[in-house]
Amino acid sequence: MKKLFAMLLAMAMMVSLFACSSGTPDPTQAASEPPASQNTEESAEPTTAPTEEPGPAAENPDDIPDTMTSSDSKYQVAFITDVGQLKDKSFNQGTFDGVKLYAAANGKSYKYYQPANGDAATDDDRYDAMKAAVEGGAEVVVCAGFMQEAALKKAAAEFPDVPFVFIDGYPIGLDNVAGISFQEEQSGYLAGYAVVKEGFEKLGFTGGGGGTNPACCRFGYGFVQGANDAAKELGKTVDMNYSWQYGATFQASPELQTMMNGWYSNGTEIVFACGGSMFNSVVAAAAANDGLVVGVDVDQSAQSDTVVTSAMKGLAASVQWAVAKVYDGSFDQIGGKGTSLGAKDDAVGLPTGTWSLETYTIEEYEAQLADMASGKLTVDSMLSEDDFAKLTTTEWSNVNLNVIE
């Protein structure tokens, strides 16, 4: 009998709108058997998926309204957005897709809450959104992004009977908060390796969060590692521009587009756009300069012909899995702990059904992903801000890394 998480993998294939080849894990999904937390302070035994048979398959999230009206004015599954737009075609949207898919498949009411003041939202604004969600009837609150930590500590302590799911999060010392994170360095590695194997020699990375967002840092660090290893195998050296400039708010901006225009016009062939709506500025510059793009978080190929592939993680399915634990009574398996999902959980990868890679083959990719899942191929991670200096202190053998401060 398949476990619930395996069902979610199949269900959420509709989220990404691509067909993986036989034997290829769908990287928009989360784990069938999530591993033990990568965190050290409050980790416990490995968490496992429940064994109940699932209900009917969920719909495509794009066919589920973003807003609904509950007959009793109560909303059972709540979502608190990260900075940026709800429909960012990336992190916020991918996470909210999981909320909608679970609610639609299980007859639950749902609502999203955007903290006041937009990109300038404070911890108090985020707390107010969480409080409004609980007072609005939330039986579980899904919070997106590491910036939610301070507000979560306050809200979860005030409402100890309400479970909170902290996506891109970690343990914060409260049993009603489940931290769900991803091994983004693995997904970034797969993308960096693939594009160099494809023949690209002039790469770029532009990241969100100003260099303090752990997920973006892991994506970028993995991207450099993958590019370096592929170049080493090919006996060549590749160039890479790498910058956090104009990404603090994860928003598109004229300044970011101008910088990207400069990169492309000076020879950069492909840029990893790692930061929500920043994607729009990178794509605009790529289109104007015959450049190409690597997307992030979800399969972004439908957004632009410039997208060659995307470094993805299982946002929608991980949300469905975690919320299901609230309703099947097993939330204590993940509450108060951190669960980190990676290749061995089918939670990271590239969209083989929609990529436009021609030289690097699906068979090569599948073999590499299998090695990563088995532990034969390991990718170094940045687990804390203390590790962020690894990028510039590492002696890269086959990458000329130009870090732009």
Protein backbone atom coordinates (compact mmCIF):
# COMPACT_ATOMS: atom_id res chain seq x y z
CA MET A 1 0.00 0.00 0.00
CA LYS A 2 1.36 3.36 -1.02
CA LYS A 3 1.92 5.91 1.68
CA LEU A 4 0.20 9.28 1.68
CA PHE A 5 3.33 11.08 0.66
CA ALA A 6 3.68 8.90 -2.42
CA MET A 7 0.14 9.92 -3.34
CA LEU A 8 1.09 13.56 -2.97
CA LEU A 9 3.95 13.07 -5.37
CA ALA A 10 1.54 11.90 -8.03
CA MET A 11 -1.08 14.52 -7.21
CA ALA A 12 1.25 17.43 -7.39
CA MET A 13 2.56 16.46 -10.81
CA MET A 14 -0.35 18.59 -11.98
CA VAL A 15 1.25 21.55 -10.24
CA SER A 16 4.31 21.55 -12.43
CA LEU A 17 2.47 20.68 -15.66
CA PHE A 18 5.23 18.52 -17.00
CA ALA A 19 5.63 14.79 -17.50
CA CYS A 20 8.75 13.26 -16.04
CA SER A 21 10.26 10.38 -17.93
CA SER A 22 9.96 6.89 -16.49
CA GLY A 23 12.07 6.49 -13.38
CA THR A 24 12.69 10.23 -12.93
CA PRO A 25 11.59 11.62 -9.57
CA ASP A 26 9.27 14.63 -9.78
CA PRO A 27 11.27 17.33 -8.01
CA THR A 28 8.29 19.57 -7.30
CA GLN A 29 7.24 16.99 -4.75
CA ALA A 30 8.34 16.31 -1.23
CA ALA A 31 9.46 13.10 0.37
CA SER A 32 7.90 9.68 0.56
CA GLU A 33 10.08 9.15 3.64
CA PRO A 34 11.38 12.49 4.96
CA PRO A 35 14.76 12.16 6.63
CA ALA A 36 15.73 13.23 10.10
CA SER A 37 16.34 16.91 10.59
CA GLN A 38 19.60 18.38 9.46
CA ASN A 39 19.38 20.73 12.44
CA THR A 40 21.28 19.69 15.55
CA GLU A 41 19.58 21.32 18.52
CA GLU A 42 16.01 20.05 18.45
CA SER A 43 16.05 17.16 16.01
CA ALA A 44 14.64 13.76 16.81
CA GLU A 45 13.94 10.45 15.12
CA PRO A 46 13.27 10.45 11.35
CA THR A 47 9.74 11.42 10.44
CA THR A 48 7.75 9.05 8.25
CA ALA A 49 4.66 9.40 6.12
CA PRO A 50 1.37 7.95 7.35
CA THR A 51 -0.03 4.79 5.82
CA GLU A 52 -3.68 5.69 5.27
CA GLU A 53 -5.17 5.43 1.82
CA PRO A 54 -5.64 8.90 0.27
CA GLY A 55 -8.86 10.55 -0.73
CA PRO A 56 -9.66 11.61 -4.31
CA ALA A 57 -6.96 13.30 -6.36
CA ALA A 58 -6.73 17.07 -6.09
CA GLU A 59 -7.23 19.49 -8.94
CA ASN A 60 -4.69 21.56 -10.80
CA PRO A 61 -3.91 24.45 -8.42
CA ASP A 62 -4.39 26.94 -11.23
CA ASP A 63 -8.02 25.81 -11.42
CA ILE A 64 -8.56 26.38 -7.69
CA PRO A 65 -9.51 30.00 -6.81
CA ASP A 66 -7.05 31.92 -4.69
CA THR A 67 -9.93 33.20 -2.60
CA MET A 68 -13.08 31.46 -1.42
CA THR A 69 -16.03 32.29 0.80
CA SER A 70 -16.54 29.94 3.72
CA SER A 71 -20.15 29.29 4.69
CA ASP A 72 -19.34 29.82 8.38
CA SER A 73 -16.76 32.60 7.77
CA LYS A 74 -14.07 30.32 9.20
CA TYR A 75 -10.98 29.36 7.22
CA GLN A 76 -9.37 26.13 8.33
CA VAL A 77 -6.09 26.16 6.39
CA ALA A 78 -4.31 29.53 6.42
CA PHE A 79 -1.30 30.73 4.48
CA ILE A 80 0.94 33.64 5.50
CA THR A 81 2.90 34.93 2.52
CA ASP A 82 6.58 35.74 2.38
CA VAL A 83 7.75 39.07 0.96
CA GLY A 84 6.86 39.59 -2.67
CA GLN A 85 3.68 38.81 -4.54
CA LEU A 86 1.37 35.89 -3.87
CA LYS A 87 1.38 34.97 -7.57
CA ASP A 88 5.14 35.19 -8.00
CA LYS A 89 5.35 32.00 -10.09
CA SER A 90 7.93 30.88 -7.56
CA PHE A 91 8.21 30.48 -3.77
CA ASN A 92 4.98 32.08 -2.52
CA GLN A 93 2.85 30.62 -5.27
CA GLY A 94 4.40 27.15 -5.06
CA THR A 95 3.76 27.06 -1.31
CA PHE A 96 0.19 28.35 -1.64
CA ASP A 97 -0.45 25.74 -4.34
CA GLY A 98 0.11 23.11 -1.66
CA VAL A 99 -2.45 24.79 0.61
CA LYS A 100 -5.03 24.92 -2.16
CA LEU A 101 -4.40 21.36 -3.33
CA TYR A 102 -4.78 19.93 0.16
CA ALA A 103 -7.88 21.99 0.90
CA ALA A 104 -9.55 21.11 -2.40
CA ALA A 105 -8.83 17.39 -2.01
CA ASN A 106 -10.08 17.28 1.58
CA GLY A 107 -13.00 19.67 1.68
CA LYS A 108 -11.28 22.30 3.81
CA SER A 109 -11.76 26.06 3.66
CA TYR A 110 -8.61 28.12 3.09
CA LYS A 111 -7.39 31.70 3.00
CA TYR A 112 -4.15 33.56 2.42
CA TYR A 113 -2.98 36.51 4.53
CA GLN A 114 -0.42 39.01 3.28
CA PRO A 115 1.31 40.96 6.07
CA ALA A 116 0.75 44.71 5.94
CA ASN A 117 3.29 47.06 4.36
CA GLY A 118 4.37 44.73 1.56
CA ASP A 119 8.11 44.36 1.20
CA ALA A 120 8.59 46.64 4.21
CA ALA A 121 6.54 44.33 6.46
CA THR A 122 7.79 44.13 10.03
CA ASP A 123 7.74 41.25 12.50
CA ASP A 124 4.66 42.86 14.01
CA ASP A 125 2.95 42.89 10.61
CA ARG A 126 3.66 39.19 10.19
CA TYR A 127 2.43 38.45 13.72
CA ASP A 128 -0.76 40.40 13.02
CA ALA A 129 -1.37 38.27 9.94
CA MET A 130 -0.88 35.06 11.94
CA LYS A 131 -3.17 36.29 14.71
CA ALA A 132 -5.83 37.20 12.14
CA ALA A 133 -5.54 33.71 10.65
CA VAL A 134 -6.05 32.02 14.04
CA GLU A 135 -8.92 34.32 14.95
CA GLY A 136 -10.39 33.54 11.53
CA GLY A 137 -10.67 29.87 12.42
CA ALA A 138 -7.36 28.46 11.22
CA GLU A 139 -6.75 24.88 12.31
CA VAL A 140 -3.28 25.02 10.79
CA VAL A 141 -1.20 27.99 9.64
CA VAL A 142 1.39 27.64 6.87
CA CYS A 143 4.07 30.34 6.96
CA ALA A 144 6.46 30.88 4.06
CA GLY A 145 10.03 32.10 4.42
CA PHE A 146 12.71 32.37 7.08
CA MET A 147 11.72 35.97 7.85
CA GLN A 148 8.65 34.60 9.68
CA GLU A 149 10.75 33.37 12.63
CA ALA A 150 10.29 36.21 15.11
CA ALA A 151 6.56 36.52 14.46
CA LEU A 152 6.16 32.76 14.68
CA LYS A 153 7.81 32.63 18.08
CA LYS A 154 5.26 35.10 19.37
CA ALA A 155 2.17 33.74 17.62
CA ALA A 156 2.87 30.05 18.20
CA ALA A 157 3.53 30.69 21.89
CA GLU A 158 0.29 32.65 22.19
CA PHE A 159 -1.72 29.96 20.39
CA PRO A 160 -0.12 26.68 21.52
CA ASP A 161 -3.05 24.57 20.32
CA VAL A 162 -2.67 25.70 16.70
CA PRO A 163 -0.08 23.90 14.54
CA PHE A 164 2.19 26.08 12.40
CA VAL A 165 4.09 24.81 9.34
CA PHE A 166 7.27 26.84 8.77
CA ILE A 167 8.32 26.40 5.11
CA ASP A 168 12.01 27.11 4.51
CA GLY A 169 12.16 26.98 8.29
CA TYR A 170 13.75 25.19 11.21
CA PRO A 171 13.02 24.38 14.86
CA ILE A 172 12.30 27.46 16.97
CA GLY A 173 11.80 25.78 20.34
CA LEU A 174 8.02 25.33 20.16
CA ASP A 175 6.31 21.97 19.75
CA ASN A 176 3.50 23.39 17.60
CA VAL A 177 5.91 24.62 14.90
CA ALA A 178 7.20 22.21 12.25
CA GLY A 179 10.24 23.45 10.35
CA ILE A 180 10.35 22.18 6.76
CA SER A 181 13.50 22.93 4.76
CA PHE A 182 15.11 21.71 1.55
CA GLN A 183 18.58 20.78 0.44
CA GLU A 184 18.65 23.54 -2.17
CA GLU A 185 22.38 23.06 -2.67
CA GLN A 186 21.55 19.76 -4.38
CA SER A 187 19.08 21.36 -6.77
CA GLY A 188 21.50 24.22 -7.49
CA TYR A 189 24.27 21.70 -8.13
CA LEU A 190 22.14 19.79 -10.63
CA ALA A 191 21.40 23.01 -12.52
CA GLY A 192 25.00 24.24 -12.54
CA TYR A 193 26.30 20.86 -13.65
CA ALA A 194 23.67 20.54 -16.39
CA VAL A 195 24.24 23.92 -18.03
CA VAL A 196 28.02 23.48 -18.14
CA LYS A 197 27.62 19.99 -19.57
CA GLU A 198 25.30 21.56 -22.12
CA GLY A 199 28.20 23.75 -23.26
CA PHE A 200 27.67 27.07 -21.50
CA GLU A 201 30.91 28.66 -20.34
CA LYS A 202 29.83 32.13 -19.18
CA LEU A 203 27.36 31.87 -16.32
CA GLY A 204 25.68 34.18 -13.85
CA PHE A 205 23.88 33.92 -10.51
CA THR A 206 21.68 36.65 -9.03
CA GLY A 207 20.12 35.91 -5.65
CA GLY A 208 17.45 37.28 -3.34
CA GLY A 209 17.68 38.23 0.30
CA GLY A 210 20.88 40.23 0.03
CA GLY A 211 23.03 37.19 0.81
CA THR A 212 21.33 36.41 4.14
CA ASN A 213 18.58 34.09 2.93
CA PRO A 214 19.73 30.53 3.73
CA ALA A 215 17.77 28.89 0.91
CA CYS A 216 19.11 31.26 -1.75
CA CYS A 217 22.63 30.88 -0.37
CA ARG A 218 22.37 27.11 -0.63
CA PHE A 219 21.01 27.32 -4.18
CA GLY A 220 23.88 29.57 -5.24
CA TYR A 221 26.60 27.62 -3.47
CA GLY A 222 25.37 24.40 -5.05
CA PHE A 223 25.21 26.05 -8.49
CA VAL A 224 28.90 26.94 -8.30
CA GLN A 225 29.82 23.44 -7.11
CA GLY A 226 27.93 21.79 -9.96
CA ALA A 227 29.43 24.11 -12.55
CA ASN A 228 32.92 23.51 -11.18
CA ASP A 229 32.58 19.71 -11.23
CA ALA A 230 31.17 19.65 -14.76
CA ALA A 231 33.91 21.97 -16.04
CA LYS A 232 36.54 19.81 -14.37
CA GLU A 233 35.19 16.72 -16.11
CA LEU A 234 35.24 18.55 -19.44
CA GLY A 235 38.78 19.86 -18.89
CA LYS A 236 37.79 23.51 -19.15
CA THR A 237 37.35 26.59 -17.00
CA VAL A 238 34.11 28.55 -16.95
CA ASP A 239 33.41 32.13 -15.86
CA MET A 240 30.66 33.13 -13.45
CA ASN A 241 29.33 36.48 -12.26
CA TYR A 242 27.73 36.14 -8.82
CA SER A 243 25.80 38.86 -7.01
CA TRP A 244 23.22 39.65 -4.32
CA GLN A 245 22.82 43.24 -5.50
CA TYR A 246 19.25 44.52 -6.00
CA GLY A 247 17.81 41.33 -4.51
CA ALA A 248 17.11 42.31 -0.90
CA THR A 249 13.34 42.47 -1.46
CA PHE A 250 13.13 39.67 -4.04
CA GLN A 251 11.42 42.13 -6.38
CA ALA A 252 11.92 42.98 -10.03
CA SER A 253 13.57 46.37 -10.45
CA PRO A 254 15.02 48.62 -13.16
CA GLU A 255 18.37 48.48 -11.35
CA LEU A 256 18.50 44.68 -11.46
CA GLN A 257 17.46 44.63 -15.11
CA THR A 258 20.18 47.15 -15.94
CA MET A 259 22.80 45.00 -14.22
CA MET A 260 21.56 41.91 -16.06
CA ASN A 261 21.64 43.79 -19.38
CA GLY A 262 25.28 44.55 -18.64
CA TRP A 263 26.07 40.91 -17.88
CA TYR A 264 24.43 39.60 -21.01
CA SER A 265 25.85 42.29 -23.29
CA ASN A 266 29.33 41.48 -21.96
CA GLY A 267 29.10 37.81 -22.79
CA THR A 268 27.16 36.07 -20.00
CA GLU A 269 25.16 33.33 -21.67
CA ILE A 270 22.86 32.08 -18.93
CA VAL A 271 21.85 33.40 -15.47
CA PHE A 272 20.39 31.52 -12.51
CA ALA A 273 17.58 33.83 -11.33
CA CYS A 274 17.19 32.87 -7.67
CA GLY A 275 14.75 35.19 -5.96
CA GLY A 276 11.01 35.25 -6.60
CA SER A 277 9.90 38.16 -8.75
CA MET A 278 13.52 39.06 -9.52
CA PHE A 279 12.97 36.48 -12.25
CA ASN A 280 11.02 39.08 -14.27
CA SER A 281 13.97 41.47 -14.48
CA VAL A 282 16.36 38.70 -15.47
CA VAL A 283 14.00 37.37 -18.14
CA ALA A 284 13.47 40.86 -19.58
CA ALA A 285 17.23 41.37 -19.89
CA ALA A 286 17.73 37.90 -21.32
CA ALA A 287 15.05 38.43 -23.96
CA ALA A 288 16.60 41.75 -24.97
CA ASN A 289 20.07 40.25 -25.33
CA ASP A 290 19.45 36.74 -26.67
CA GLY A 291 20.40 35.40 -23.26
CA LEU A 292 19.06 32.45 -21.31
CA VAL A 293 17.81 31.79 -17.77
CA VAL A 294 17.70 29.09 -15.09
CA GLY A 295 14.49 29.31 -13.05
CA VAL A 296 14.07 28.52 -9.36
CA ASP A 297 11.75 26.77 -6.88
CA VAL A 298 9.20 25.58 -9.47
CA ASP A 299 9.28 24.81 -13.18
CA GLN A 300 9.33 28.29 -14.72
CA SER A 301 9.61 27.22 -18.36
CA ALA A 302 6.05 28.31 -19.12
CA GLN A 303 6.91 31.87 -18.08
CA SER A 304 9.47 32.57 -20.81
CA ASP A 305 11.15 30.95 -23.81
CA THR A 306 14.45 32.08 -22.30
CA VAL A 307 14.19 29.48 -19.49
CA VAL A 308 16.43 26.50 -20.22
CA THR A 309 15.71 24.61 -16.99
CA SER A 310 14.75 25.26 -13.36
CA ALA A 311 16.31 24.29 -10.03
CA MET A 312 13.24 23.06 -8.17
CA LYS A 313 12.19 21.95 -4.72
CA GLY A 314 9.05 20.22 -3.47
CA LEU A 315 7.06 23.13 -2.11
CA ALA A 316 3.50 22.09 -2.92
CA ALA A 317 3.82 18.46 -1.87
CA SER A 318 5.71 19.21 1.33
CA VAL A 319 2.90 21.53 2.40
CA GLN A 320 0.28 18.88 1.63
CA TRP A 321 2.24 16.28 3.57
CA ALA A 322 2.73 18.51 6.62
CA VAL A 323 -0.88 19.73 6.69
CA ALA A 324 -2.10 16.14 6.36
CA LYS A 325 -0.28 15.35 9.59
CA VAL A 326 -2.41 17.90 11.40
CA TYR A 327 -5.58 16.14 10.35
CA ASP A 328 -4.42 12.54 10.75
CA GLY A 329 -3.18 13.20 14.28
CA SER A 330 0.52 12.67 13.60
CA PHE A 331 1.73 16.28 13.69
CA ASP A 332 3.79 15.48 16.78
CA GLN A 333 6.13 13.55 14.48
CA ILE A 334 7.27 16.83 12.92
CA GLY A 335 6.22 19.48 15.46
CA GLY A 336 9.13 20.98 17.37
CA LYS A 337 11.57 19.47 14.89
CA GLY A 338 13.20 20.30 11.58
CA THR A 339 12.70 18.12 8.50
CA SER A 340 15.15 18.60 5.64
CA LEU A 341 14.16 17.21 2.23
CA GLY A 342 16.51 16.41 -0.61
CA ALA A 343 17.29 14.08 -3.49
CA LYS A 344 16.64 10.90 -1.54
CA ASP A 345 13.11 12.20 -0.94
CA ASP A 346 12.40 13.14 -4.58
CA ALA A 347 12.23 16.71 -3.28
CA VAL A 348 14.78 18.45 -5.53
CA GLY A 349 15.62 18.26 -9.20
CA LEU A 350 15.22 19.55 -12.74
CA PRO A 351 12.11 19.35 -14.98
CA THR A 352 13.18 16.85 -17.64
CA GLY A 353 9.83 17.08 -19.41
CA THR A 354 10.19 20.77 -20.22
CA TRP A 355 13.90 21.58 -20.22
CA SER A 356 15.49 22.66 -23.52
CA LEU A 357 18.85 21.01 -22.88
CA GLU A 358 20.07 19.10 -25.94
CA THR A 359 23.62 17.93 -25.22
CA TYR A 360 23.16 16.89 -21.61
CA THR A 361 20.83 13.91 -21.63
CA ILE A 362 18.01 12.80 -19.36
CA GLU A 363 19.84 9.52 -18.84
CA GLU A 364 22.93 11.34 -17.57
CA TYR A 365 20.77 13.46 -15.30
CA GLU A 366 18.89 10.48 -13.90
CA ALA A 367 22.13 8.68 -13.14
CA GLN A 368 23.53 11.72 -11.35
CA LEU A 369 20.33 12.24 -9.36
CA ALA A 370 20.39 8.57 -8.34
CA ASP A 371 23.98 8.97 -7.14
CA MET A 372 22.92 12.01 -5.15
CA ALA A 373 19.97 10.20 -3.63
CA SER A 374 22.12 7.22 -2.62
CA GLY A 375 24.84 9.38 -1.09
CA LYS A 376 27.44 8.45 -3.68
CA LEU A 377 27.47 12.09 -4.82
CA THR A 378 27.54 14.61 -1.99
CA VAL A 379 27.12 18.37 -2.22
CA ASP A 380 28.48 20.68 0.44
CA SER A 381 25.85 22.78 2.19
CA MET A 382 25.67 26.09 3.98
CA LEU A 383 23.88 25.29 7.21
CA SER A 384 24.22 28.65 8.91
CA GLU A 385 25.33 32.21 8.32
CA ASP A 386 28.74 31.21 9.66
CA ASP A 387 29.18 29.07 6.55
CA PHE A 388 28.30 31.74 3.99
CA ALA A 389 31.96 32.70 3.56
CA LYS A 390 32.59 29.31 1.93
CA LEU A 391 31.65 30.77 -1.43
CA THR A 392 34.56 33.19 -1.55
CA THR A 393 37.07 31.26 0.55
CA THR A 394 36.85 28.06 -1.50
CA GLU A 395 39.56 27.55 -4.12
CA TRP A 396 37.46 26.78 -7.20
CA SER A 397 39.55 24.68 -9.58
CA ASN A 398 37.54 25.26 -12.76
CA VAL A 399 35.38 28.33 -12.13
CA ASN A 400 36.58 31.91 -12.39
CA LEU A 401 34.17 33.32 -9.82
CA ASN A 402 33.52 37.07 -9.97
CA VAL A 403 31.60 38.00 -6.82
CA ILE A 404 29.99 41.41 -7.20
CA GLU A 405 29.32 42.98 -3.81
